[in-house]
PDB file of N, CA and C in Angstrom:
ATOM      1  N   MET A   1     110.398  82.762  74.504  1.00  0.00           N
ATOM      2  CA  MET A   1     109.505  83.770  75.025  1.00  0.00           C
ATOM      3  C   MET A   1     110.164  85.140  74.882  1.00  0.00           C
ATOM      4  N   ASP A   2     109.347  86.136  74.637  1.00  0.00           N
ATOM      5  CA  ASP A   2     109.834  87.493  74.451  1.00  0.00           C
ATOM      6  C   ASP A   2     110.353  88.065  75.777  1.00  0.00           C
ATOM      7  N   LEU A   3     111.482  88.745  75.716  1.00  0.00           N
ATOM      8  CA  LEU A   3     112.095  89.316  76.924  1.00  0.00           C
ATOM      9  C   LEU A   3     111.165  90.320  77.598  1.00  0.00           C
ATOM     10  N   TYR A   4     110.450  91.131  76.811  1.00  0.00           N
ATOM     11  CA  TYR A   4     109.545  92.125  77.392  1.00  0.00           C
ATOM     12  C   TYR A   4     108.360  91.464  78.083  1.00  0.00           C
ATOM     13  N   LEU A   5     107.910  90.328  77.564  1.00  0.00           N
ATOM     14  CA  LEU A   5     106.814  89.614  78.208  1.00  0.00           C
ATOM     15  C   LEU A   5     107.264  89.056  79.554  1.00  0.00           C
ATOM     16  N   ILE A   6     108.449  88.488  79.601  1.00  0.00           N
ATOM     17  CA  ILE A   6     108.990  87.968  80.863  1.00  0.00           C
ATOM     18  C   ILE A   6     109.163  89.100  81.871  1.00  0.00           C
ATOM     19  N   LEU A   7     109.718  90.224  81.419  1.00  0.00           N
ATOM     20  CA  LEU A   7     109.883  91.380  82.295  1.00  0.00           C
ATOM     21  C   LEU A   7     108.530  91.880  82.784  1.00  0.00           C
ATOM     22  N   GLY A   8     107.552  91.941  81.883  1.00  0.00           N
ATOM     23  CA  GLY A   8     106.208  92.387  82.261  1.00  0.00           C
ATOM     24  C   GLY A   8     105.566  91.479  83.288  1.00  0.00           C
ATOM     25  N   LEU A   9     105.756  90.164  83.139  1.00  0.00           N
ATOM     26  CA  LEU A   9     105.197  89.227  84.110  1.00  0.00           C
ATOM     27  C   LEU A   9     105.867  89.374  85.472  1.00  0.00           C
ATOM     28  N   ASN A  10     107.171  89.558  85.479  1.00  0.00           N
ATOM     29  CA  ASN A  10     107.872  89.756  86.748  1.00  0.00           C
ATOM     30  C   ASN A  10     107.451  91.057  87.424  1.00  0.00           C
ATOM     31  N   LEU A  11     107.300  92.112  86.647  1.00  0.00           N
ATOM     32  CA  LEU A  11     106.845  93.380  87.221  1.00  0.00           C
ATOM     33  C   LEU A  11     105.407  93.276  87.706  1.00  0.00           C
ATOM     34  N   SER A  12     104.593  92.457  87.035  1.00  0.00           N
ATOM     35  CA  SER A  12     103.213  92.252  87.477  1.00  0.00           C
ATOM     36  C   SER A  12     103.174  91.582  88.834  1.00  0.00           C
ATOM     37  N   GLU A  13     104.085  90.661  89.063  1.00  0.00           N
ATOM     38  CA  GLU A  13     104.162  90.034  90.381  1.00  0.00           C
ATOM     39  C   GLU A  13     104.518  91.066  91.452  1.00  0.00           C
ATOM     40  N   LEU A  14     105.436  91.957  91.132  1.00  0.00           N
ATOM     41  CA  LEU A  14     105.799  93.001  92.088  1.00  0.00           C
ATOM     42  C   LEU A  14     104.641  93.960  92.339  1.00  0.00           C
ATOM     43  N   ILE A  15     103.861  94.236  91.298  1.00  0.00           N
ATOM     44  CA  ILE A  15     102.686  95.100  91.461  1.00  0.00           C
ATOM     45  C   ILE A  15     101.684  94.434  92.395  1.00  0.00           C
ATOM     46  N   GLY A  16     101.445  93.141  92.191  1.00  0.00           N
ATOM     47  CA  GLY A  16     100.534  92.410  93.072  1.00  0.00           C
ATOM     48  C   GLY A  16     101.017  92.389  94.501  1.00  0.00           C
ATOM     49  N   LEU A  17     102.315  92.234  94.673  1.00  0.00           N
ATOM     50  CA  LEU A  17     102.889  92.244  96.014  1.00  0.00           C
ATOM     51  C   LEU A  17     102.716  93.610  96.675  1.00  0.00           C
ATOM     52  N   SER A  18     102.960  94.665  95.913  1.00  0.00           N
ATOM     53  CA  SER A  18     102.808  96.006  96.486  1.00  0.00           C
ATOM     54  C   SER A  18     101.353  96.309  96.806  1.00  0.00           C
ATOM     55  N   LEU A  19     100.423  95.826  95.973  1.00  0.00           N
ATOM     56  CA  LEU A  19      99.007  96.016  96.281  1.00  0.00           C
ATOM     57  C   LEU A  19      98.636  95.282  97.559  1.00  0.00           C
ATOM     58  N   GLY A  20      99.182  94.098  97.730  1.00  0.00           N
ATOM     59  CA  GLY A  20      98.880  93.337  98.932  1.00  0.00           C
ATOM     60  C   GLY A  20      99.459  93.955 100.183  1.00  0.00           C
ATOM     61  N   LEU A  21     100.614  94.582 100.066  1.00  0.00           N
ATOM     62  CA  LEU A  21     101.276  95.140 101.246  1.00  0.00           C
ATOM     63  C   LEU A  21     100.753  96.516 101.634  1.00  0.00           C
ATOM     64  N   ILE A  22     100.572  97.388 100.641  1.00  0.00           N
ATOM     65  CA  ILE A  22     100.202  98.770 100.975  1.00  0.00           C
ATOM     66  C   ILE A  22      98.785  99.145 100.551  1.00  0.00           C
ATOM     67  N   GLY A  23      98.099  98.266  99.847  1.00  0.00           N
ATOM     68  CA  GLY A  23      96.715  98.531  99.478  1.00  0.00           C
ATOM     69  C   GLY A  23      96.580  99.239  98.152  1.00  0.00           C
ATOM     70  N   GLY A  24      96.446 100.540  98.163  1.00  0.00           N
ATOM     71  CA  GLY A  24      96.157 101.299  96.949  1.00  0.00           C
ATOM     72  C   GLY A  24      97.385 101.669  96.150  1.00  0.00           C
ATOM     73  N   GLY A  25      97.148 102.386  95.087  1.00  0.00           N
ATOM     74  CA  GLY A  25      98.234 102.891  94.260  1.00  0.00           C
ATOM     75  C   GLY A  25      98.726 101.933  93.208  1.00  0.00           C
ATOM     76  N   GLY A  26      98.051 100.805  93.051  1.00  0.00           N
ATOM     77  CA  GLY A  26      98.505  99.815  92.086  1.00  0.00           C
ATOM     78  C   GLY A  26      98.409 100.271  90.648  1.00  0.00           C
ATOM     79  N   SER A  27      97.398 101.086  90.341  1.00  0.00           N
ATOM     80  CA  SER A  27      97.257 101.550  88.961  1.00  0.00           C
ATOM     81  C   SER A  27      98.358 102.539  88.591  1.00  0.00           C
ATOM     82  N   ASN A  28      98.919 103.224  89.587  1.00  0.00           N
ATOM     83  CA  ASN A  28     100.043 104.128  89.311  1.00  0.00           C
ATOM     84  C   ASN A  28     101.269 103.363  88.851  1.00  0.00           C
ATOM     85  N   ILE A  29     101.379 102.120  89.265  1.00  0.00           N
ATOM     86  CA  ILE A  29     102.494 101.287  88.856  1.00  0.00           C
ATOM     87  C   ILE A  29     102.132 100.486  87.608  1.00  0.00           C
ATOM     88  N   THR A  30     100.878 100.060  87.522  1.00  0.00           N
ATOM     89  CA  THR A  30     100.446  99.176  86.441  1.00  0.00           C
ATOM     90  C   THR A  30     100.451  99.869  85.093  1.00  0.00           C
ATOM     91  N   VAL A  31      99.975 101.086  85.014  1.00  0.00           N
ATOM     92  CA  VAL A  31      99.881 101.784  83.719  1.00  0.00           C
ATOM     93  C   VAL A  31     101.250 101.951  83.062  1.00  0.00           C
ATOM     94  N   PRO A  32     102.268 102.436  83.750  1.00  0.00           N
ATOM     95  CA  PRO A  32     103.578 102.534  83.084  1.00  0.00           C
ATOM     96  C   PRO A  32     104.150 101.182  82.642  1.00  0.00           C
ATOM     97  N   VAL A  33     103.908 100.131  83.420  1.00  0.00           N
ATOM     98  CA  VAL A  33     104.386  98.806  83.012  1.00  0.00           C
ATOM     99  C   VAL A  33     103.680  98.366  81.735  1.00  0.00           C
ATOM    100  N   LEU A  34     102.375  98.568  81.679  1.00  0.00           N
ATOM    101  CA  LEU A  34     101.630  98.178  80.476  1.00  0.00           C
ATOM    102  C   LEU A  34     102.058  98.986  79.259  1.00  0.00           C
ATOM    103  N   VAL A  35     102.277 100.280  79.443  1.00  0.00           N
ATOM    104  CA  VAL A  35     102.604 101.154  78.314  1.00  0.00           C
ATOM    105  C   VAL A  35     104.047 100.984  77.869  1.00  0.00           C
ATOM    106  N   TYR A  36     104.984 101.104  78.794  1.00  0.00           N
ATOM    107  CA  TYR A  36     106.395 101.161  78.418  1.00  0.00           C
ATOM    108  C   TYR A  36     107.054  99.793  78.264  1.00  0.00           C
ATOM    109  N   VAL A  37     106.589  98.811  79.029  1.00  0.00           N
ATOM    110  CA  VAL A  37     107.217  97.491  78.950  1.00  0.00           C
ATOM    111  C   VAL A  37     106.475  96.586  77.977  1.00  0.00           C
ATOM    112  N   LEU A  38     105.142  96.553  78.075  1.00  0.00           N
ATOM    113  CA  LEU A  38     104.380  95.633  77.252  1.00  0.00           C
ATOM    114  C   LEU A  38     103.847  96.259  75.966  1.00  0.00           C
ATOM    115  N   GLY A  39     103.997  97.570  75.793  1.00  0.00           N
ATOM    116  CA  GLY A  39     103.634  98.219  74.539  1.00  0.00           C
ATOM    117  C   GLY A  39     102.147  98.405  74.306  1.00  0.00           C
ATOM    118  N   VAL A  40     101.351  98.454  75.359  1.00  0.00           N
ATOM    119  CA  VAL A  40      99.909  98.687  75.240  1.00  0.00           C
ATOM    120  C   VAL A  40      99.678 100.183  75.068  1.00  0.00           C
ATOM    121  N   GLU A  41      98.672 100.547  74.278  1.00  0.00           N
ATOM    122  CA  GLU A  41      98.326 101.963  74.118  1.00  0.00           C
ATOM    123  C   GLU A  41      97.880 102.541  75.455  1.00  0.00           C
ATOM    124  N   ALA A  42      98.173 103.807  75.690  1.00  0.00           N
ATOM    125  CA  ALA A  42      97.913 104.436  76.985  1.00  0.00           C
ATOM    126  C   ALA A  42      96.433 104.396  77.362  1.00  0.00           C
ATOM    127  N   HIS A  43      95.561 104.670  76.398  1.00  0.00           N
ATOM    128  CA  HIS A  43      94.122 104.682  76.679  1.00  0.00           C
ATOM    129  C   HIS A  43      93.646 103.291  77.114  1.00  0.00           C
ATOM    130  N   GLU A  44      94.129 102.259  76.462  1.00  0.00           N
ATOM    131  CA  GLU A  44      93.754 100.898  76.817  1.00  0.00           C
ATOM    132  C   GLU A  44      94.389 100.481  78.142  1.00  0.00           C
ATOM    133  N   ALA A  45      95.583 100.968  78.416  1.00  0.00           N
ATOM    134  CA  ALA A  45      96.285 100.595  79.648  1.00  0.00           C
ATOM    135  C   ALA A  45      95.549 101.088  80.888  1.00  0.00           C
ATOM    136  N   VAL A  46      94.887 102.232  80.783  1.00  0.00           N
ATOM    137  CA  VAL A  46      94.140 102.753  81.938  1.00  0.00           C
ATOM    138  C   VAL A  46      93.007 101.803  82.301  1.00  0.00           C
ATOM    139  N   GLY A  47      92.237 101.385  81.301  1.00  0.00           N
ATOM    140  CA  GLY A  47      91.148 100.443  81.559  1.00  0.00           C
ATOM    141  C   GLY A  47      91.647  99.090  82.037  1.00  0.00           C
ATOM    142  N   MET A  48      92.733  98.631  81.445  1.00  0.00           N
ATOM    143  CA  MET A  48      93.305  97.348  81.861  1.00  0.00           C
ATOM    144  C   MET A  48      93.810  97.417  83.297  1.00  0.00           C
ATOM    145  N   SER A  49      94.415  98.531  83.675  1.00  0.00           N
ATOM    146  CA  SER A  49      94.921  98.648  85.041  1.00  0.00           C
ATOM    147  C   SER A  49      93.786  98.659  86.052  1.00  0.00           C
ATOM    148  N   LEU A  50      92.662  99.264  85.687  1.00  0.00           N
ATOM    149  CA  LEU A  50      91.508  99.244  86.589  1.00  0.00           C
ATOM    150  C   LEU A  50      91.008  97.824  86.786  1.00  0.00           C
ATOM    151  N   ALA A  51      90.993  97.035  85.714  1.00  0.00           N
ATOM    152  CA  ALA A  51      90.571  95.640  85.826  1.00  0.00           C
ATOM    153  C   ALA A  51      91.549  94.835  86.673  1.00  0.00           C
ATOM    154  N   VAL A  52      92.833  95.087  86.504  1.00  0.00           N
ATOM    155  CA  VAL A  52      93.853  94.371  87.289  1.00  0.00           C
ATOM    156  C   VAL A  52      93.719  94.711  88.770  1.00  0.00           C
ATOM    157  N   VAL A  53      93.588  95.980  89.081  1.00  0.00           N
ATOM    158  CA  VAL A  53      93.474  96.398  90.485  1.00  0.00           C
ATOM    159  C   VAL A  53      92.174  95.879  91.087  1.00  0.00           C
ATOM    160  N   ARG A  54      91.105  95.901  90.305  1.00  0.00           N
ATOM    161  CA  ARG A  54      89.819  95.384  90.794  1.00  0.00           C
ATOM    162  C   ARG A  54      89.928  93.896  91.108  1.00  0.00           C
ATOM    163  N   GLY A  55      90.518  93.142  90.202  1.00  0.00           N
ATOM    164  CA  GLY A  55      90.678  91.712  90.429  1.00  0.00           C
ATOM    165  C   GLY A  55      91.531  91.409  91.643  1.00  0.00           C
ATOM    166  N   THR A  56      92.620  92.134  91.772  1.00  0.00           N
ATOM    167  CA  THR A  56      93.500  91.942  92.922  1.00  0.00           C
ATOM    168  C   THR A  56      92.785  92.300  94.217  1.00  0.00           C
ATOM    169  N   SER A  57      92.010  93.361  94.194  1.00  0.00           N
ATOM    170  CA  SER A  57      91.263  93.771  95.395  1.00  0.00           C
ATOM    171  C   SER A  57      90.198  92.748  95.783  1.00  0.00           C
ATOM    172  N   LEU A  58      89.521  92.190  94.777  1.00  0.00           N
ATOM    173  CA  LEU A  58      88.509  91.176  95.074  1.00  0.00           C
ATOM    174  C   LEU A  58      89.134  89.936  95.699  1.00  0.00           C
ATOM    175  N   VAL A  59      90.216  89.478  95.137  1.00  0.00           N
ATOM    176  CA  VAL A  59      90.898  88.314  95.687  1.00  0.00           C
ATOM    177  C   VAL A  59      91.381  88.604  97.106  1.00  0.00           C
ATOM    178  N   GLY A  60      91.941  89.790  97.314  1.00  0.00           N
ATOM    179  CA  GLY A  60      92.416  90.167  98.634  1.00  0.00           C
ATOM    180  C   GLY A  60      91.301  90.273  99.655  1.00  0.00           C
ATOM    181  N   SER A  61      90.138  90.767  99.232  1.00  0.00           N
ATOM    182  CA  SER A  61      89.032  90.902 100.178  1.00  0.00           C
ATOM    183  C   SER A  61      88.477  89.540 100.576  1.00  0.00           C
ATOM    184  N   PHE A  62      88.435  88.598  99.621  1.00  0.00           N
ATOM    185  CA  PHE A  62      87.972  87.251  99.973  1.00  0.00           C
ATOM    186  C   PHE A  62      88.993  86.505 100.804  1.00  0.00           C
ATOM    187  N   ALA A  63      90.262  86.715 100.515  1.00  0.00           N
ATOM    188  CA  ALA A  63      91.321  86.049 101.286  1.00  0.00           C
ATOM    189  C   ALA A  63      91.355  86.596 102.719  1.00  0.00           C
ATOM    190  N   GLY A  64      90.995  87.850 102.888  1.00  0.00           N
ATOM    191  CA  GLY A  64      91.009  88.458 104.213  1.00  0.00           C
ATOM    192  C   GLY A  64      89.894  87.942 105.118  1.00  0.00           C
ATOM    193  N   THR A  65      88.859  87.348 104.533  1.00  0.00           N
ATOM    194  CA  THR A  65      87.753  86.850 105.332  1.00  0.00           C
ATOM    195  C   THR A  65      87.973  85.424 105.800  1.00  0.00           C
ATOM    196  N   LEU A  66      89.022  84.792 105.306  1.00  0.00           N
ATOM    197  CA  LEU A  66      89.266  83.396 105.700  1.00  0.00           C
ATOM    198  C   LEU A  66      89.915  83.284 107.048  1.00  0.00           C
TER     199      LEU A  66
END
């Protein structure tokens, strides 16, 4: 497995943890990880980060109702 992919996955876990603990600001962390670690183009990383934060928020909102 590629070292950058492993690093990106580990940083993604930390992003999810920070979103769960403090709520917002996940895209501020997600975009640099996507661009600098995983090599995604900046324009695409913005849209991808919105999808990641949206997914995390949806899961968190459903988990909060249990």
